[in-house]
Amino acid sequence: MARHNRRLPRLTACTLLPVLLGLATATHGTQTYRWVDERGRVHYGDTLPPQAREPVLLDKQGRTVRTMSRPGSPTPATTRPANASDQRERQDRALLATYLDEAEIDLARDRALAQERARQDSLQAMIEQTRGRLARFKRQANQYALAGQPIPATIEQSVEAAQREIDQLTELLARSERSAEAIEARYAAFKQRFRELKAQMREPASASPSANGGRGQ
């Protein structure tokens, strides 16, 4: 009796890419933007709203990488798979074709986490810089108050703007931390499913006649 190879076929990189993107979708908005709204207020975020003015892309140190000519491209509509079982089968095949063992899954997880942690470091540095500006504006305001003089409106506006920037950056940092938690959970699910699939592939082999020493006619 001929032995049948029950291993799932490997896919090409072009076929795997959309499937793996579906598997690994997360809040991987690792880019940070700064823009100005219609009232002249500065905002930070990982996506650009349609009404954003003067949008720029920032690097990990909060420095301008490039000026954006327009907000980000619209997200293409995704199509729903024909049925859930077909989608799961494609994902299983992609999982087995992408990783040789659980150690490779751990490595992919660590790389994804490293990117998110680098973004957190960048956001934290931007928060500290903005806190420094806020402290400077507050000292200026305090000097006017001690001298019995009215605080200039420009200083008050600068204090408000700096505090608003800190709040926005802090929210982005919290979002990035939640994203890191999601990465941990997602790759743990990958590893568990990988283990299940490998076990399923071993079971038919151990129960086949050839595995028990039988031979076909």
Protein backbone atom coordinates (compact mmCIF):
# COMPACT_ATOMS: atom_id res chain seq x y z
CA MET A 1 0.00 0.00 0.00
CA ALA A 2 1.41 3.36 -0.95
CA ARG A 3 2.02 5.73 1.91
CA HIS A 4 0.05 8.95 1.52
CA ASN A 5 1.60 12.20 2.56
CA ARG A 6 -0.96 13.81 4.81
CA ARG A 7 1.04 16.97 5.39
CA LEU A 8 -0.72 20.11 4.29
CA PRO A 9 0.86 21.66 1.18
CA ARG A 10 3.06 24.70 1.58
CA LEU A 11 1.95 27.94 0.03
CA THR A 12 3.91 30.55 -1.85
CA ALA A 13 4.84 33.85 -0.21
CA CYS A 14 2.39 35.74 -2.43
CA THR A 15 -0.44 33.45 -1.36
CA LEU A 16 0.53 33.59 2.31
CA LEU A 17 0.77 37.36 2.64
CA PRO A 18 -2.95 38.24 2.73
CA VAL A 19 -3.71 35.23 4.92
CA LEU A 20 -1.02 36.08 7.44
CA LEU A 21 -2.11 39.68 7.48
CA GLY A 22 -5.52 38.41 8.46
CA LEU A 23 -3.96 36.25 11.16
CA ALA A 24 -1.75 38.95 12.56
CA THR A 25 -4.01 41.97 12.26
CA ALA A 26 -3.56 44.24 15.28
CA THR A 27 -3.18 47.86 16.23
CA HIS A 28 0.15 47.96 14.57
CA GLY A 29 -0.17 51.62 13.80
CA THR A 30 3.50 52.05 14.56
CA GLN A 31 3.64 55.47 12.91
CA THR A 32 2.89 58.66 14.79
CA TYR A 33 1.55 61.77 13.10
CA ARG A 34 1.22 65.38 14.17
CA TRP A 35 -1.30 67.73 12.60
CA VAL A 36 -3.18 70.97 13.16
CA ASP A 37 -6.97 71.23 13.28
CA GLU A 38 -9.15 73.99 11.89
CA ARG A 39 -8.74 75.98 15.11
CA GLY A 40 -4.95 75.85 14.96
CA ARG A 41 -4.55 73.29 17.74
CA VAL A 42 -1.83 70.63 17.51
CA HIS A 43 -2.83 66.96 17.70
CA TYR A 44 -0.98 63.64 17.76
CA GLY A 45 -2.29 60.28 16.62
CA ASP A 46 -1.59 57.10 14.69
CA THR A 47 -4.09 57.99 11.95
CA LEU A 48 -4.82 61.25 10.14
CA PRO A 49 -8.37 62.62 10.00
CA PRO A 50 -9.59 63.95 6.63
CA GLN A 51 -9.56 67.55 7.92
CA ALA A 52 -5.96 67.39 9.17
CA ARG A 53 -3.84 70.41 8.26
CA GLU A 54 -0.04 70.50 8.01
CA PRO A 55 0.26 66.75 8.75
CA VAL A 56 3.77 65.41 9.36
CA LEU A 57 5.15 61.95 10.08
CA LEU A 58 7.32 61.74 13.21
CA ASP A 59 10.22 59.43 13.96
CA LYS A 60 10.89 57.61 17.25
CA GLN A 61 12.40 60.77 18.76
CA GLY A 62 9.42 62.93 17.77
CA ARG A 63 11.31 64.57 14.91
CA THR A 64 9.73 65.27 11.55
CA VAL A 65 10.44 62.54 9.00
CA ARG A 66 8.42 64.05 6.18
CA THR A 67 5.50 66.35 5.55
CA MET A 68 2.42 64.50 4.41
CA SER A 69 0.74 65.83 1.28
CA ARG A 70 -2.61 64.44 2.35
CA PRO A 71 -4.13 62.26 5.07
CA GLY A 72 -3.60 58.51 4.89
CA SER A 73 -5.09 56.54 2.05
CA PRO A 74 -8.55 55.12 2.64
CA THR A 75 -8.67 51.59 3.94
CA PRO A 76 -9.86 49.24 1.21
CA ALA A 77 -13.02 47.36 1.97
CA THR A 78 -12.43 43.78 3.01
CA THR A 79 -14.47 40.95 1.56
CA ARG A 80 -16.06 38.36 3.79
CA PRO A 81 -14.85 34.81 3.12
CA ALA A 82 -17.28 32.33 1.60
CA ASN A 83 -17.56 30.47 4.90
CA ALA A 84 -15.79 30.23 8.23
CA SER A 85 -14.44 26.72 7.68
CA ASP A 86 -12.67 27.73 4.44
CA GLN A 87 -11.14 30.71 6.16
CA ARG A 88 -9.94 28.58 9.08
CA GLU A 89 -8.42 26.04 6.71
CA ARG A 90 -6.51 28.77 4.87
CA GLN A 91 -5.27 30.17 8.16
CA ASP A 92 -4.18 26.72 9.33
CA ARG A 93 -2.29 26.11 6.09
CA ALA A 94 -0.63 29.50 6.35
CA LEU A 95 0.34 28.84 9.95
CA LEU A 96 1.99 25.51 9.12
CA ALA A 97 3.68 26.91 6.02
CA THR A 98 5.07 29.94 7.85
CA TYR A 99 6.51 28.40 11.00
CA LEU A 100 8.65 25.29 11.25
CA ASP A 101 8.34 25.02 15.02
CA GLU A 102 7.10 26.87 18.08
CA ALA A 103 10.44 28.62 18.51
CA GLU A 104 9.83 30.48 15.25
CA ILE A 105 6.47 31.64 16.55
CA ASP A 106 8.18 32.97 19.67
CA LEU A 107 10.71 34.79 17.49
CA ALA A 108 7.97 36.42 15.41
CA ARG A 109 6.19 37.47 18.60
CA ASP A 110 9.36 39.00 20.02
CA ARG A 111 9.93 40.98 16.83
CA ALA A 112 6.39 42.34 16.87
CA LEU A 113 6.73 43.27 20.54
CA ALA A 114 10.06 44.98 19.88
CA GLN A 115 8.41 47.24 17.31
CA GLU A 116 5.62 48.15 19.70
CA ARG A 117 8.05 48.80 22.55
CA ALA A 118 10.14 51.03 20.30
CA ARG A 119 7.01 53.03 19.61
CA GLN A 120 6.32 53.26 23.33
CA ASP A 121 9.84 54.59 23.90
CA SER A 122 9.26 57.19 21.18
CA LEU A 123 5.95 58.29 22.69
CA GLN A 124 7.44 58.44 26.18
CA ALA A 125 10.27 60.67 24.89
CA MET A 126 7.73 62.98 23.24
CA ILE A 127 5.72 63.15 26.47
CA GLU A 128 8.82 64.13 28.45
CA GLN A 129 9.71 66.82 25.92
CA THR A 130 6.22 68.26 26.07
CA ARG A 131 6.23 68.16 29.86
CA GLY A 132 9.40 70.22 29.78
CA ARG A 133 7.71 72.84 27.60
CA LEU A 134 4.66 72.82 29.86
CA ALA A 135 6.83 73.41 32.94
CA ARG A 136 8.55 76.32 31.19
CA PHE A 137 5.25 77.94 30.24
CA LYS A 138 3.96 77.51 33.79
CA ARG A 139 7.08 79.16 35.22
CA GLN A 140 6.56 82.10 32.89
CA ALA A 141 2.93 82.37 33.96
CA ASN A 142 3.97 82.21 37.63
CA GLN A 143 6.45 85.04 37.15
CA TYR A 144 3.70 87.31 35.83
CA ALA A 145 1.42 86.30 38.69
CA LEU A 146 4.09 87.02 41.34
CA ALA A 147 4.71 90.41 39.77
CA GLY A 148 1.00 91.19 40.00
CA GLN A 149 0.72 91.40 36.23
CA PRO A 150 -1.88 89.73 34.04
CA ILE A 151 -0.71 86.55 32.39
CA PRO A 152 -0.47 87.07 28.61
CA ALA A 153 -3.03 85.13 26.61
CA THR A 154 -0.27 83.54 24.52
CA ILE A 155 1.25 81.94 27.61
CA GLU A 156 -2.12 80.66 28.81
CA GLN A 157 -2.79 79.21 25.37
CA SER A 158 0.64 77.58 25.34
CA VAL A 159 -0.05 75.96 28.71
CA GLU A 160 -3.39 74.60 27.45
CA ALA A 161 -1.89 73.36 24.17
CA ALA A 162 1.01 71.59 25.90
CA GLN A 163 -1.32 69.90 28.37
CA ARG A 164 -3.58 68.80 25.51
CA GLU A 165 -0.59 67.32 23.66
CA ILE A 166 0.45 65.41 26.79
CA ASP A 167 -3.05 63.98 27.15
CA GLN A 168 -3.11 62.86 23.52
CA LEU A 169 0.36 61.32 23.64
CA THR A 170 -0.51 59.55 26.89
CA GLU A 171 -3.57 58.05 25.24
CA LEU A 172 -1.44 56.84 22.33
CA LEU A 173 0.97 55.29 24.80
CA ALA A 174 -1.85 53.48 26.57
CA ARG A 175 -3.14 52.26 23.21
CA SER A 176 0.31 50.94 22.32
CA GLU A 177 0.49 49.10 25.64
CA ARG A 178 -2.88 47.49 24.91
CA SER A 179 -1.57 46.55 21.47
CA ALA A 180 1.43 44.81 23.07
CA GLU A 181 -0.94 42.80 25.25
CA ALA A 182 -2.93 41.83 22.14
CA ILE A 183 0.26 40.70 20.41
CA GLU A 184 1.08 38.43 23.35
CA ALA A 185 -2.39 36.90 23.26
CA ARG A 186 -2.43 36.51 19.48
CA TYR A 187 0.87 34.68 19.26
CA ALA A 188 -0.08 32.48 22.20
CA ALA A 189 -3.15 31.48 20.16
CA PHE A 190 -0.90 30.86 17.14
CA LYS A 191 1.31 28.56 19.19
CA GLN A 192 -1.64 26.65 20.64
CA ARG A 193 -3.19 26.12 17.21
CA PHE A 194 0.18 25.13 15.74
CA ARG A 195 0.56 22.51 18.48
CA GLU A 196 -2.95 21.17 17.79
CA LEU A 197 -2.32 20.92 14.05
CA LYS A 198 0.98 19.10 14.54
CA ALA A 199 -0.74 16.62 16.86
CA GLN A 200 -3.48 16.03 14.27
CA MET A 201 -0.86 15.35 11.61
CA ARG A 202 0.86 12.74 13.80
CA GLU A 203 -2.31 10.84 14.72
CA PRO A 204 -3.21 9.49 11.22
CA ALA A 205 0.41 8.46 10.64
CA SER A 206 0.52 6.41 13.85
CA ALA A 207 -2.79 4.72 13.00
CA SER A 208 -1.97 3.88 9.35
CA PRO A 209 -1.24 0.23 8.33
CA SER A 210 2.28 1.12 7.24
CA ALA A 211 2.96 2.60 10.68
CA ASN A 212 1.92 -0.76 12.20
CA GLY A 213 4.12 -2.75 9.88
CA GLY A 214 1.37 -3.71 7.40
CA ARG A 215 2.01 -3.79 3.66
CA GLY A 216 -0.38 -3.48 0.79
CA GLN A 217 -0.92 -6.30 -1.68
